[in-house]
């Protein structure tokens, strides 16, 4: 029994020592400024981390990065940071910024055990970015995961990611987002917005421009000052408030989500609403052309643009504000 107790004590001591020797986070900065003369496109690609993007009055592109790595000592952290390479290239009017994780094969397991306190780990670090670009330069961001914030921007913006939380604020320019899952939240966007996102949440407020969204099951909430609408989702609910200030039509389609559309009391449009098993409601005084248990078609005001709201099994409602 005494021997067993000694083994247990020895085991617990070993666990305590292993817990005490844990890798901690180190931050290694990187900074570069690029003359923006003649530059029309900036492309930034990374794997994981945060990115903040804004417009600058300077005639330079400012790139600030912070490499975040886990290691036991500052010396080991510097060694790991050297394996996260920030590569910047410029070909004519295009500037590309990439992060490359250099996993050197000659590094033995004992090396990674030394610097990380564990065996080799493919996710040994990440990079956070702060980017400032002059107005008018198109920006394309590509990431696997992390967060993206773009604000006070006077640039066209394209974002491609697997699972990022995206925040857009005060943007003058066209916005295109292709996001697998996460949150895409926008506020005060002047320009067309196109979003393809399968899962998560999409919330756009005070948009002046056409909105196009394609999703599988993201919940969608929109406040639009002007522009057309083209929304398609499978199971997500859709909540829209629009001024209906556009010469182009409004289309919203979902299979099993609910659709709620709020428009000004003084609006004019041609309305077509259908739901196979859901309930159809409208506060607008519609001059009905045809109506069944699953479909309503008519006009209100002076007619004009078409509003088509279609759900297979969700409720569809049209309200005034």
C-alpha atoms as a PDB file:
ATOM      1  CA  UNK A   1       0.000   0.000   0.000  1.00  0.00           C
ATOM      2  CA  UNK A   2       2.884   2.336   0.891  1.00  0.00           C
ATOM      3  CA  UNK A   3       4.442   1.606  -2.498  1.00  0.00           C
ATOM      4  CA  UNK A   4       1.183   2.433  -4.325  1.00  0.00           C
ATOM      5  CA  UNK A   5       0.872   5.706  -2.365  1.00  0.00           C
ATOM      6  CA  UNK A   6       4.404   6.665  -3.356  1.00  0.00           C
ATOM      7  CA  UNK A   7       3.638   5.991  -7.030  1.00  0.00           C
ATOM      8  CA  UNK A   8       0.493   8.139  -6.837  1.00  0.00           C
ATOM      9  CA  UNK A   9       2.377  10.997  -5.198  1.00  0.00           C
ATOM     10  CA  UNK A  10       5.096  10.737  -7.827  1.00  0.00           C
ATOM     11  CA  UNK A  11       2.489  10.789 -10.617  1.00  0.00           C
ATOM     12  CA  UNK A  12       0.738  13.860  -9.167  1.00  0.00           C
ATOM     13  CA  UNK A  13       4.056  15.657  -8.823  1.00  0.00           C
ATOM     14  CA  UNK A  14       4.834  14.918 -12.453  1.00  0.00           C
ATOM     15  CA  UNK A  15       1.433  16.260 -13.522  1.00  0.00           C
ATOM     16  CA  UNK A  16       1.955  19.408 -11.433  1.00  0.00           C
ATOM     17  CA  UNK A  17       5.376  20.000 -12.982  1.00  0.00           C
ATOM     18  CA  UNK A  18       4.013  19.469 -16.513  1.00  0.00           C
ATOM     19  CA  UNK A  19       1.172  21.888 -15.824  1.00  0.00           C
ATOM     20  CA  UNK A  20       3.558  24.512 -14.494  1.00  0.00           C
ATOM     21  CA  UNK A  21       5.714  24.361 -17.617  1.00  0.00           C
ATOM     22  CA  UNK A  22       3.129  25.644 -20.060  1.00  0.00           C
ATOM     23  CA  UNK A  23       3.734  27.682 -23.187  1.00  0.00           C
ATOM     24  CA  UNK A  24       2.600  31.305 -22.979  1.00  0.00           C
ATOM     25  CA  UNK A  25       1.737  33.787 -25.705  1.00  0.00           C
ATOM     26  CA  UNK A  26       4.346  36.129 -27.141  1.00  0.00           C
ATOM     27  CA  UNK A  27       3.658  38.970 -29.606  1.00  0.00           C
ATOM     28  CA  UNK A  28       6.176  39.916 -32.256  1.00  0.00           C
ATOM     29  CA  UNK A  29       5.385  43.068 -34.304  1.00  0.00           C
ATOM     30  CA  UNK A  30       5.920  43.619 -38.025  1.00  0.00           C
ATOM     31  CA  UNK A  31       5.412  46.889 -39.912  1.00  0.00           C
ATOM     32  CA  UNK A  32       5.748  47.982 -43.517  1.00  0.00           C
ATOM     33  CA  UNK A  33       4.684  51.036 -45.532  1.00  0.00           C
ATOM     34  CA  UNK A  34       4.218  50.907 -49.301  1.00  0.00           C
ATOM     35  CA  UNK A  35       4.017  53.802 -51.746  1.00  0.00           C
ATOM     36  CA  UNK A  36       0.432  53.668 -53.057  1.00  0.00           C
ATOM     37  CA  UNK A  37       1.158  55.511 -56.322  1.00  0.00           C
ATOM     38  CA  UNK A  38      -0.330  53.458 -59.163  1.00  0.00           C
ATOM     39  CA  UNK A  39      -1.710  50.747 -56.841  1.00  0.00           C
ATOM     40  CA  UNK A  40      -5.262  49.676 -57.693  1.00  0.00           C
ATOM     41  CA  UNK A  41      -5.590  46.428 -55.740  1.00  0.00           C
ATOM     42  CA  UNK A  42      -4.408  45.211 -52.319  1.00  0.00           C
ATOM     43  CA  UNK A  43      -4.761  41.493 -51.559  1.00  0.00           C
ATOM     44  CA  UNK A  44      -4.226  40.184 -48.024  1.00  0.00           C
ATOM     45  CA  UNK A  45      -4.285  36.459 -47.206  1.00  0.00           C
ATOM     46  CA  UNK A  46      -3.874  34.850 -43.779  1.00  0.00           C
ATOM     47  CA  UNK A  47      -4.997  31.766 -41.873  1.00  0.00           C
ATOM     48  CA  UNK A  48      -6.166  32.817 -38.418  1.00  0.00           C
ATOM     49  CA  UNK A  49      -6.272  36.086 -36.530  1.00  0.00           C
ATOM     50  CA  UNK A  50      -7.918  39.499 -36.481  1.00  0.00           C
ATOM     51  CA  UNK A  51      -7.851  42.134 -39.207  1.00  0.00           C
ATOM     52  CA  UNK A  52      -8.800  45.810 -38.939  1.00  0.00           C
ATOM     53  CA  UNK A  53      -9.081  47.779 -42.177  1.00  0.00           C
ATOM     54  CA  UNK A  54      -9.601  51.503 -42.673  1.00  0.00           C
ATOM     55  CA  UNK A  55      -9.005  54.302 -45.180  1.00  0.00           C
ATOM     56  CA  UNK A  56      -6.105  56.701 -44.712  1.00  0.00           C
ATOM     57  CA  UNK A  57      -5.465  60.200 -46.052  1.00  0.00           C
ATOM     58  CA  UNK A  58      -1.823  59.253 -46.552  1.00  0.00           C
ATOM     59  CA  UNK A  59      -0.379  58.337 -49.944  1.00  0.00           C
ATOM     60  CA  UNK A  60       1.021  55.134 -48.451  1.00  0.00           C
ATOM     61  CA  UNK A  61      -0.418  51.734 -47.620  1.00  0.00           C
ATOM     62  CA  UNK A  62       0.286  51.004 -43.968  1.00  0.00           C
ATOM     63  CA  UNK A  63       0.622  47.341 -42.971  1.00  0.00           C
ATOM     64  CA  UNK A  64       1.026  46.482 -39.305  1.00  0.00           C
ATOM     65  CA  UNK A  65       1.061  42.865 -38.204  1.00  0.00           C
ATOM     66  CA  UNK A  66       1.475  41.170 -34.854  1.00  0.00           C
ATOM     67  CA  UNK A  67       2.613  37.563 -34.883  1.00  0.00           C
ATOM     68  CA  UNK A  68       1.126  35.744 -31.883  1.00  0.00           C
ATOM     69  CA  UNK A  69       2.965  32.563 -30.943  1.00  0.00           C
ATOM     70  CA  UNK A  70       2.972  30.175 -27.984  1.00  0.00           C
ATOM     71  CA  UNK A  71       6.370  29.311 -26.548  1.00  0.00           C
ATOM     72  CA  UNK A  72       8.201  28.731 -23.284  1.00  0.00           C
ATOM     73  CA  UNK A  73      10.743  31.549 -23.656  1.00  0.00           C
ATOM     74  CA  UNK A  74      11.195  34.755 -25.652  1.00  0.00           C
ATOM     75  CA  UNK A  75      14.052  33.148 -27.556  1.00  0.00           C
ATOM     76  CA  UNK A  76      11.879  30.219 -28.555  1.00  0.00           C
ATOM     77  CA  UNK A  77       9.083  32.633 -29.513  1.00  0.00           C
ATOM     78  CA  UNK A  78      11.442  34.502 -31.840  1.00  0.00           C
ATOM     79  CA  UNK A  79      12.390  31.198 -33.450  1.00  0.00           C
ATOM     80  CA  UNK A  80       8.728  30.320 -33.991  1.00  0.00           C
ATOM     81  CA  UNK A  81       7.925  33.817 -35.294  1.00  0.00           C
ATOM     82  CA  UNK A  82      10.632  33.354 -37.919  1.00  0.00           C
ATOM     83  CA  UNK A  83       8.546  30.439 -39.214  1.00  0.00           C
ATOM     84  CA  UNK A  84       5.587  32.773 -39.829  1.00  0.00           C
ATOM     85  CA  UNK A  85       6.683  34.670 -42.899  1.00  0.00           C
ATOM     86  CA  UNK A  86       4.931  37.839 -44.059  1.00  0.00           C
ATOM     87  CA  UNK A  87       5.525  38.032 -47.792  1.00  0.00           C
ATOM     88  CA  UNK A  88       4.776  41.280 -49.652  1.00  0.00           C
ATOM     89  CA  UNK A  89       4.966  41.467 -53.443  1.00  0.00           C
ATOM     90  CA  UNK A  90       4.044  44.186 -55.910  1.00  0.00           C
ATOM     91  CA  UNK A  91       3.416  43.518 -59.584  1.00  0.00           C
ATOM     92  CA  UNK A  92       2.400  46.645 -61.452  1.00  0.00           C
ATOM     93  CA  UNK A  93      -0.825  47.925 -59.856  1.00  0.00           C
ATOM     94  CA  UNK A  94      -1.320  44.916 -57.549  1.00  0.00           C
ATOM     95  CA  UNK A  95       0.095  44.453 -54.046  1.00  0.00           C
ATOM     96  CA  UNK A  96      -0.200  41.020 -52.398  1.00  0.00           C
ATOM     97  CA  UNK A  97       0.416  40.304 -48.724  1.00  0.00           C
ATOM     98  CA  UNK A  98       0.535  36.681 -47.593  1.00  0.00           C
ATOM     99  CA  UNK A  99       1.347  34.748 -44.444  1.00  0.00           C
ATOM    100  CA  UNK A 100       3.205  31.480 -44.838  1.00  0.00           C
ATOM    101  CA  UNK A 101       3.760  28.988 -42.023  1.00  0.00           C
ATOM    102  CA  UNK A 102       7.153  27.422 -42.695  1.00  0.00           C
ATOM    103  CA  UNK A 103       6.966  23.973 -41.184  1.00  0.00           C
ATOM    104  CA  UNK A 104      10.583  22.875 -41.609  1.00  0.00           C
ATOM    105  CA  UNK A 105      10.882  19.122 -41.840  1.00  0.00           C
ATOM    106  CA  UNK A 106      14.320  19.081 -40.257  1.00  0.00           C
ATOM    107  CA  UNK A 107      12.871  20.244 -36.955  1.00  0.00           C
ATOM    108  CA  UNK A 108      12.696  17.191 -34.701  1.00  0.00           C
ATOM    109  CA  UNK A 109       9.903  16.451 -32.211  1.00  0.00           C
ATOM    110  CA  UNK A 110      12.311  17.424 -29.439  1.00  0.00           C
ATOM    111  CA  UNK A 111      12.547  20.954 -30.898  1.00  0.00           C
ATOM    112  CA  UNK A 112       8.782  21.487 -30.780  1.00  0.00           C
ATOM    113  CA  UNK A 113       8.669  19.857 -27.343  1.00  0.00           C
ATOM    114  CA  UNK A 114      11.254  22.409 -26.246  1.00  0.00           C
ATOM    115  CA  UNK A 115       9.620  25.562 -27.607  1.00  0.00           C
ATOM    116  CA  UNK A 116       5.964  24.623 -27.118  1.00  0.00           C
ATOM    117  CA  UNK A 117       6.087  22.248 -24.210  1.00  0.00           C
ATOM    118  CA  UNK A 118       4.443  19.650 -26.422  1.00  0.00           C
ATOM    119  CA  UNK A 119       4.922  17.805 -29.684  1.00  0.00           C
ATOM    120  CA  UNK A 120       4.703  19.576 -33.041  1.00  0.00           C
ATOM    121  CA  UNK A 121       1.439  21.454 -33.501  1.00  0.00           C
ATOM    122  CA  UNK A 122       0.266  22.753 -36.864  1.00  0.00           C
ATOM    123  CA  UNK A 123      -1.409  25.743 -35.157  1.00  0.00           C
ATOM    124  CA  UNK A 124       1.621  27.192 -33.427  1.00  0.00           C
ATOM    125  CA  UNK A 125       0.697  30.819 -34.099  1.00  0.00           C
ATOM    126  CA  UNK A 126      -1.546  33.396 -35.726  1.00  0.00           C
ATOM    127  CA  UNK A 127      -1.274  36.933 -37.108  1.00  0.00           C
ATOM    128  CA  UNK A 128      -3.315  40.046 -36.319  1.00  0.00           C
ATOM    129  CA  UNK A 129      -3.428  42.864 -38.874  1.00  0.00           C
ATOM    130  CA  UNK A 130      -4.062  46.587 -38.997  1.00  0.00           C
ATOM    131  CA  UNK A 131      -4.268  47.844 -42.574  1.00  0.00           C
ATOM    132  CA  UNK A 132      -4.778  51.428 -43.769  1.00  0.00           C
ATOM    133  CA  UNK A 133      -5.198  52.132 -47.491  1.00  0.00           C
ATOM    134  CA  UNK A 134      -5.808  55.323 -49.467  1.00  0.00           C
ATOM    135  CA  UNK A 135      -9.320  55.813 -50.820  1.00  0.00           C
ATOM    136  CA  UNK A 136     -10.130  54.209 -54.152  1.00  0.00           C
ATOM    137  CA  UNK A 137      -7.844  51.174 -53.883  1.00  0.00           C
ATOM    138  CA  UNK A 138      -9.776  47.924 -54.093  1.00  0.00           C
ATOM    139  CA  UNK A 139      -9.142  45.560 -51.166  1.00  0.00           C
ATOM    140  CA  UNK A 140      -9.495  41.757 -51.152  1.00  0.00           C
ATOM    141  CA  UNK A 141      -9.217  39.872 -47.842  1.00  0.00           C
ATOM    142  CA  UNK A 142      -8.949  36.082 -47.629  1.00  0.00           C
ATOM    143  CA  UNK A 143      -8.879  34.213 -44.311  1.00  0.00           C
ATOM    144  CA  UNK A 144      -9.815  30.869 -42.822  1.00  0.00           C
ATOM    145  CA  UNK A 145     -11.017  32.044 -39.412  1.00  0.00           C
ATOM    146  CA  UNK A 146     -10.831  34.968 -37.033  1.00  0.00           C
ATOM    147  CA  UNK A 147     -12.418  38.417 -37.064  1.00  0.00           C
ATOM    148  CA  UNK A 148     -12.529  41.137 -39.714  1.00  0.00           C
ATOM    149  CA  UNK A 149     -13.457  44.761 -39.035  1.00  0.00           C
ATOM    150  CA  UNK A 150     -13.665  47.320 -41.825  1.00  0.00           C
ATOM    151  CA  UNK A 151     -14.686  50.864 -40.946  1.00  0.00           C
ATOM    152  CA  UNK A 152     -14.460  54.421 -42.218  1.00  0.00           C
ATOM    153  CA  UNK A 153     -13.670  52.921 -45.616  1.00  0.00           C
ATOM    154  CA  UNK A 154     -13.845  54.549 -49.051  1.00  0.00           C
ATOM    155  CA  UNK A 155     -12.895  51.478 -51.033  1.00  0.00           C
ATOM    156  CA  UNK A 156     -14.495  48.525 -52.785  1.00  0.00           C
ATOM    157  CA  UNK A 157     -14.110  45.505 -50.503  1.00  0.00           C
ATOM    158  CA  UNK A 158     -14.143  41.750 -51.150  1.00  0.00           C
ATOM    159  CA  UNK A 159     -13.961  39.247 -48.277  1.00  0.00           C
ATOM    160  CA  UNK A 160     -13.540  35.475 -48.628  1.00  0.00           C
ATOM    161  CA  UNK A 161     -13.450  33.307 -45.516  1.00  0.00           C
ATOM    162  CA  UNK A 162     -14.399  29.925 -44.106  1.00  0.00           C
ATOM    163  CA  UNK A 163     -15.673  31.024 -40.703  1.00  0.00           C
ATOM    164  CA  UNK A 164     -15.081  34.655 -39.791  1.00  0.00           C
ATOM    165  CA  UNK A 165     -17.029  37.175 -37.770  1.00  0.00           C
ATOM    166  CA  UNK A 166     -17.196  40.253 -40.008  1.00  0.00           C
ATOM    167  CA  UNK A 167     -18.015  43.812 -38.956  1.00  0.00           C
ATOM    168  CA  UNK A 168     -18.585  46.538 -41.559  1.00  0.00           C
ATOM    169  CA  UNK A 169     -19.142  50.163 -40.599  1.00  0.00           C
ATOM    170  CA  UNK A 170     -19.307  53.432 -42.562  1.00  0.00           C
ATOM    171  CA  UNK A 171     -18.260  52.115 -45.958  1.00  0.00           C
ATOM    172  CA  UNK A 172     -18.525  53.948 -49.261  1.00  0.00           C
ATOM    173  CA  UNK A 173     -18.006  51.329 -51.941  1.00  0.00           C
ATOM    174  CA  UNK A 174     -19.141  47.968 -53.237  1.00  0.00           C
ATOM    175  CA  UNK A 175     -19.007  45.152 -50.662  1.00  0.00           C
ATOM    176  CA  UNK A 176     -18.794  41.448 -51.550  1.00  0.00           C
ATOM    177  CA  UNK A 177     -18.660  38.756 -48.840  1.00  0.00           C
ATOM    178  CA  UNK A 178     -18.266  34.989 -49.264  1.00  0.00           C
ATOM    179  CA  UNK A 179     -18.339  33.517 -45.756  1.00  0.00           C
ATOM    180  CA  UNK A 180     -18.958  29.908 -44.806  1.00  0.00           C
ATOM    181  CA  UNK A 181     -20.333  30.629 -41.341  1.00  0.00           C
ATOM    182  CA  UNK A 182     -20.161  33.242 -38.620  1.00  0.00           C
ATOM    183  CA  UNK A 183     -21.585  36.734 -38.317  1.00  0.00           C
ATOM    184  CA  UNK A 184     -21.686  39.395 -41.000  1.00  0.00           C
ATOM    185  CA  UNK A 185     -22.839  42.670 -39.476  1.00  0.00           C
ATOM    186  CA  UNK A 186     -22.909  45.942 -41.406  1.00  0.00           C
ATOM    187  CA  UNK A 187     -23.917  49.488 -40.549  1.00  0.00           C
ATOM    188  CA  UNK A 188     -24.085  52.513 -42.849  1.00  0.00           C
ATOM    189  CA  UNK A 189     -22.961  51.084 -46.184  1.00  0.00           C
ATOM    190  CA  UNK A 190     -23.252  53.275 -49.275  1.00  0.00           C
ATOM    191  CA  UNK A 191     -22.937  50.972 -52.261  1.00  0.00           C
ATOM    192  CA  UNK A 192     -24.130  47.560 -53.420  1.00  0.00           C
ATOM    193  CA  UNK A 193     -23.773  44.625 -51.012  1.00  0.00           C
ATOM    194  CA  UNK A 194     -23.460  40.984 -52.083  1.00  0.00           C
ATOM    195  CA  UNK A 195     -23.263  38.243 -49.441  1.00  0.00           C
ATOM    196  CA  UNK A 196     -22.992  34.478 -49.762  1.00  0.00           C
ATOM    197  CA  UNK A 197     -23.048  32.858 -46.331  1.00  0.00           C
ATOM    198  CA  UNK A 198     -24.412  29.440 -45.439  1.00  0.00           C
ATOM    199  CA  UNK A 199     -24.752  29.637 -41.656  1.00  0.00           C
ATOM    200  CA  UNK A 200     -24.806  32.163 -38.840  1.00  0.00           C
ATOM    201  CA  UNK A 201     -26.257  35.679 -38.832  1.00  0.00           C
ATOM    202  CA  UNK A 202     -26.451  38.471 -41.393  1.00  0.00           C
ATOM    203  CA  UNK A 203     -27.450  41.906 -40.111  1.00  0.00           C
ATOM    204  CA  UNK A 204     -27.268  44.969 -42.378  1.00  0.00           C
ATOM    205  CA  UNK A 205     -28.479  48.381 -41.221  1.00  0.00           C
ATOM    206  CA  UNK A 206     -28.822  51.662 -43.156  1.00  0.00           C
ATOM    207  CA  UNK A 207     -27.715  50.398 -46.550  1.00  0.00           C
ATOM    208  CA  UNK A 208     -27.923  52.648 -49.598  1.00  0.00           C
ATOM    209  CA  UNK A 209     -27.486  50.241 -52.484  1.00  0.00           C
ATOM    210  CA  UNK A 210     -28.708  46.993 -53.993  1.00  0.00           C
ATOM    211  CA  UNK A 211     -28.547  43.993 -51.642  1.00  0.00           C
ATOM    212  CA  UNK A 212     -28.039  40.428 -52.861  1.00  0.00           C
ATOM    213  CA  UNK A 213     -27.875  37.580 -50.326  1.00  0.00           C
ATOM    214  CA  UNK A 214     -27.709  33.811 -50.762  1.00  0.00           C
ATOM    215  CA  UNK A 215     -27.765  31.590 -47.680  1.00  0.00           C
ATOM    216  CA  UNK A 216     -28.727  28.158 -46.388  1.00  0.00           C
ATOM    217  CA  UNK A 217     -29.868  28.841 -42.836  1.00  0.00           C
ATOM    218  CA  UNK A 218     -28.496  32.183 -41.698  1.00  0.00           C
ATOM    219  CA  UNK A 219     -30.918  34.525 -39.973  1.00  0.00           C
ATOM    220  CA  UNK A 220     -31.181  37.737 -42.011  1.00  0.00           C
ATOM    221  CA  UNK A 221     -32.089  41.233 -40.824  1.00  0.00           C
ATOM    222  CA  UNK A 222     -31.951  44.250 -43.154  1.00  0.00           C
ATOM    223  CA  UNK A 223     -32.648  47.977 -42.994  1.00  0.00           C
ATOM    224  CA  UNK A 224     -32.330  49.538 -46.457  1.00  0.00           C
ATOM    225  CA  UNK A 225     -32.607  53.201 -47.398  1.00  0.00           C
ATOM    226  CA  UNK A 226     -32.517  52.678 -51.166  1.00  0.00           C
ATOM    227  CA  UNK A 227     -31.823  49.922 -53.666  1.00  0.00           C
ATOM    228  CA  UNK A 228     -33.221  46.627 -54.905  1.00  0.00           C
ATOM    229  CA  UNK A 229     -33.355  43.301 -53.036  1.00  0.00           C
ATOM    230  CA  UNK A 230     -32.571  39.742 -54.100  1.00  0.00           C
ATOM    231  CA  UNK A 231     -32.534  37.347 -51.127  1.00  0.00           C
ATOM    232  CA  UNK A 232     -32.532  33.551 -51.142  1.00  0.00           C
ATOM    233  CA  UNK A 233     -32.301  31.286 -48.102  1.00  0.00           C
ATOM    234  CA  UNK A 234     -33.371  27.755 -47.202  1.00  0.00           C
ATOM    235  CA  UNK A 235     -34.362  27.743 -43.529  1.00  0.00           C
ATOM    236  CA  UNK A 236     -33.402  31.128 -42.104  1.00  0.00           C
ATOM    237  CA  UNK A 237     -35.912  33.813 -41.157  1.00  0.00           C
ATOM    238  CA  UNK A 238     -35.803  37.103 -43.063  1.00  0.00           C
ATOM    239  CA  UNK A 239     -36.707  40.486 -41.528  1.00  0.00           C
ATOM    240  CA  UNK A 240     -36.565  43.465 -43.907  1.00  0.00           C
ATOM    241  CA  UNK A 241     -37.279  47.159 -43.542  1.00  0.00           C
ATOM    242  CA  UNK A 242     -36.830  48.978 -46.849  1.00  0.00           C
ATOM    243  CA  UNK A 243     -37.771  52.382 -48.192  1.00  0.00           C
ATOM    244  CA  UNK A 244     -38.468  50.712 -51.545  1.00  0.00           C
ATOM    245  CA  UNK A 245     -36.471  53.439 -53.298  1.00  0.00           C
ATOM    246  CA  UNK A 246     -35.462  51.632 -56.466  1.00  0.00           C
ATOM    247  CA  UNK A 247     -36.523  51.207 -60.060  1.00  0.00           C
ATOM    248  CA  UNK A 248     -35.590  47.517 -59.783  1.00  0.00           C
ATOM    249  CA  UNK A 249     -37.601  44.705 -58.244  1.00  0.00           C
ATOM    250  CA  UNK A 250     -37.565  43.049 -54.819  1.00  0.00           C
ATOM    251  CA  UNK A 251     -37.315  39.251 -54.551  1.00  0.00           C
ATOM    252  CA  UNK A 252     -37.225  37.235 -51.308  1.00  0.00           C
ATOM    253  CA  UNK A 253     -37.359  33.432 -51.329  1.00  0.00           C
ATOM    254  CA  UNK A 254     -37.088  30.888 -48.507  1.00  0.00           C
ATOM    255  CA  UNK A 255     -38.165  27.285 -48.112  1.00  0.00           C
ATOM    256  CA  UNK A 256     -39.108  27.077 -44.447  1.00  0.00           C
ATOM    257  CA  UNK A 257     -38.180  30.440 -42.937  1.00  0.00           C
ATOM    258  CA  UNK A 258     -40.549  33.290 -42.130  1.00  0.00           C
ATOM    259  CA  UNK A 259     -40.485  36.517 -44.169  1.00  0.00           C
ATOM    260  CA  UNK A 260     -41.394  39.892 -42.690  1.00  0.00           C
ATOM    261  CA  UNK A 261     -41.261  42.951 -44.941  1.00  0.00           C
ATOM    262  CA  UNK A 262     -41.880  46.504 -43.702  1.00  0.00           C
ATOM    263  CA  UNK A 263     -42.294  49.322 -46.246  1.00  0.00           C
ATOM    264  CA  UNK A 264     -43.477  52.969 -46.092  1.00  0.00           C
ATOM    265  CA  UNK A 265     -47.212  53.557 -45.982  1.00  0.00           C
ATOM    266  CA  UNK A 266     -46.971  55.704 -49.128  1.00  0.00           C
ATOM    267  CA  UNK A 267     -45.248  52.978 -51.189  1.00  0.00           C
ATOM    268  CA  UNK A 268     -46.380  51.811 -54.620  1.00  0.00           C
ATOM    269  CA  UNK A 269     -45.654  48.372 -56.043  1.00  0.00           C
ATOM    270  CA  UNK A 270     -46.976  45.181 -57.562  1.00  0.00           C
ATOM    271  CA  UNK A 271     -47.184  42.523 -54.854  1.00  0.00           C
ATOM    272  CA  UNK A 272     -47.002  38.758 -55.210  1.00  0.00           C
ATOM    273  CA  UNK A 273     -46.923  36.674 -52.042  1.00  0.00           C
ATOM    274  CA  UNK A 274     -47.034  32.902 -51.744  1.00  0.00           C
ATOM    275  CA  UNK A 275     -46.675  30.299 -48.993  1.00  0.00           C
ATOM    276  CA  UNK A 276     -47.697  26.658 -49.323  1.00  0.00           C
ATOM    277  CA  UNK A 277     -48.399  25.987 -45.640  1.00  0.00           C
ATOM    278  CA  UNK A 278     -47.641  29.256 -43.844  1.00  0.00           C
ATOM    279  CA  UNK A 279     -49.853  32.248 -43.124  1.00  0.00           C
ATOM    280  CA  UNK A 280     -50.035  35.311 -45.405  1.00  0.00           C
ATOM    281  CA  UNK A 281     -50.693  38.752 -43.906  1.00  0.00           C
ATOM    282  CA  UNK A 282     -50.545  42.271 -45.306  1.00  0.00           C
ATOM    283  CA  UNK A 283     -51.257  45.666 -43.767  1.00  0.00           C
ATOM    284  CA  UNK A 284     -51.067  47.362 -47.166  1.00  0.00           C
ATOM    285  CA  UNK A 285     -54.400  48.184 -48.845  1.00  0.00           C
ATOM    286  CA  UNK A 286     -53.914  45.861 -51.808  1.00  0.00           C
ATOM    287  CA  UNK A 287     -56.085  45.928 -54.925  1.00  0.00           C
ATOM    288  CA  UNK A 288     -56.267  42.166 -55.338  1.00  0.00           C
ATOM    289  CA  UNK A 289     -55.930  40.609 -58.785  1.00  0.00           C
ATOM    290  CA  UNK A 290     -56.042  37.022 -57.602  1.00  0.00           C
ATOM    291  CA  UNK A 291     -56.067  35.239 -54.270  1.00  0.00           C
ATOM    292  CA  UNK A 292     -56.072  31.653 -53.022  1.00  0.00           C
ATOM    293  CA  UNK A 293     -55.249  29.995 -49.701  1.00  0.00           C
ATOM    294  CA  UNK A 294     -51.579  29.902 -50.693  1.00  0.00           C
ATOM    295  CA  UNK A 295     -51.122  32.972 -52.861  1.00  0.00           C
ATOM    296  CA  UNK A 296     -51.987  36.665 -53.040  1.00  0.00           C
ATOM    297  CA  UNK A 297     -51.348  38.916 -56.020  1.00  0.00           C
ATOM    298  CA  UNK A 298     -52.277  42.560 -56.466  1.00  0.00           C
ATOM    299  CA  UNK A 299     -51.111  46.175 -56.442  1.00  0.00           C
ATOM    300  CA  UNK A 300     -50.986  49.011 -53.963  1.00  0.00           C
ATOM    301  CA  UNK A 301     -50.455  52.709 -54.504  1.00  0.00           C
ATOM    302  CA  UNK A 302     -49.693  53.404 -58.169  1.00  0.00           C
ATOM    303  CA  UNK A 303     -48.160  49.995 -58.794  1.00  0.00           C
ATOM    304  CA  UNK A 304     -44.674  49.968 -60.299  1.00  0.00           C
ATOM    305  CA  UNK A 305     -41.821  47.722 -59.161  1.00  0.00           C
ATOM    306  CA  UNK A 306     -42.514  44.095 -58.344  1.00  0.00           C
ATOM    307  CA  UNK A 307     -42.291  42.647 -54.854  1.00  0.00           C
ATOM    308  CA  UNK A 308     -42.201  38.831 -54.854  1.00  0.00           C
ATOM    309  CA  UNK A 309     -42.151  37.077 -51.467  1.00  0.00           C
ATOM    310  CA  UNK A 310     -42.092  33.280 -51.521  1.00  0.00           C
ATOM    311  CA  UNK A 311     -41.898  30.745 -48.700  1.00  0.00           C
ATOM    312  CA  UNK A 312     -42.732  27.050 -48.890  1.00  0.00           C
ATOM    313  CA  UNK A 313     -43.746  26.577 -45.253  1.00  0.00           C
ATOM    314  CA  UNK A 314     -43.036  29.839 -43.425  1.00  0.00           C
ATOM    315  CA  UNK A 315     -45.291  32.779 -42.678  1.00  0.00           C
ATOM    316  CA  UNK A 316     -45.124  35.851 -44.930  1.00  0.00           C
ATOM    317  CA  UNK A 317     -46.183  39.299 -43.753  1.00  0.00           C
ATOM    318  CA  UNK A 318     -46.087  42.817 -45.229  1.00  0.00           C
ATOM    319  CA  UNK A 319     -46.258  45.715 -42.782  1.00  0.00           C
ATOM    320  CA  UNK A 320     -46.277  49.518 -42.964  1.00  0.00           C
ATOM    321  CA  UNK A 321     -44.049  52.010 -41.232  1.00  0.00           C
END
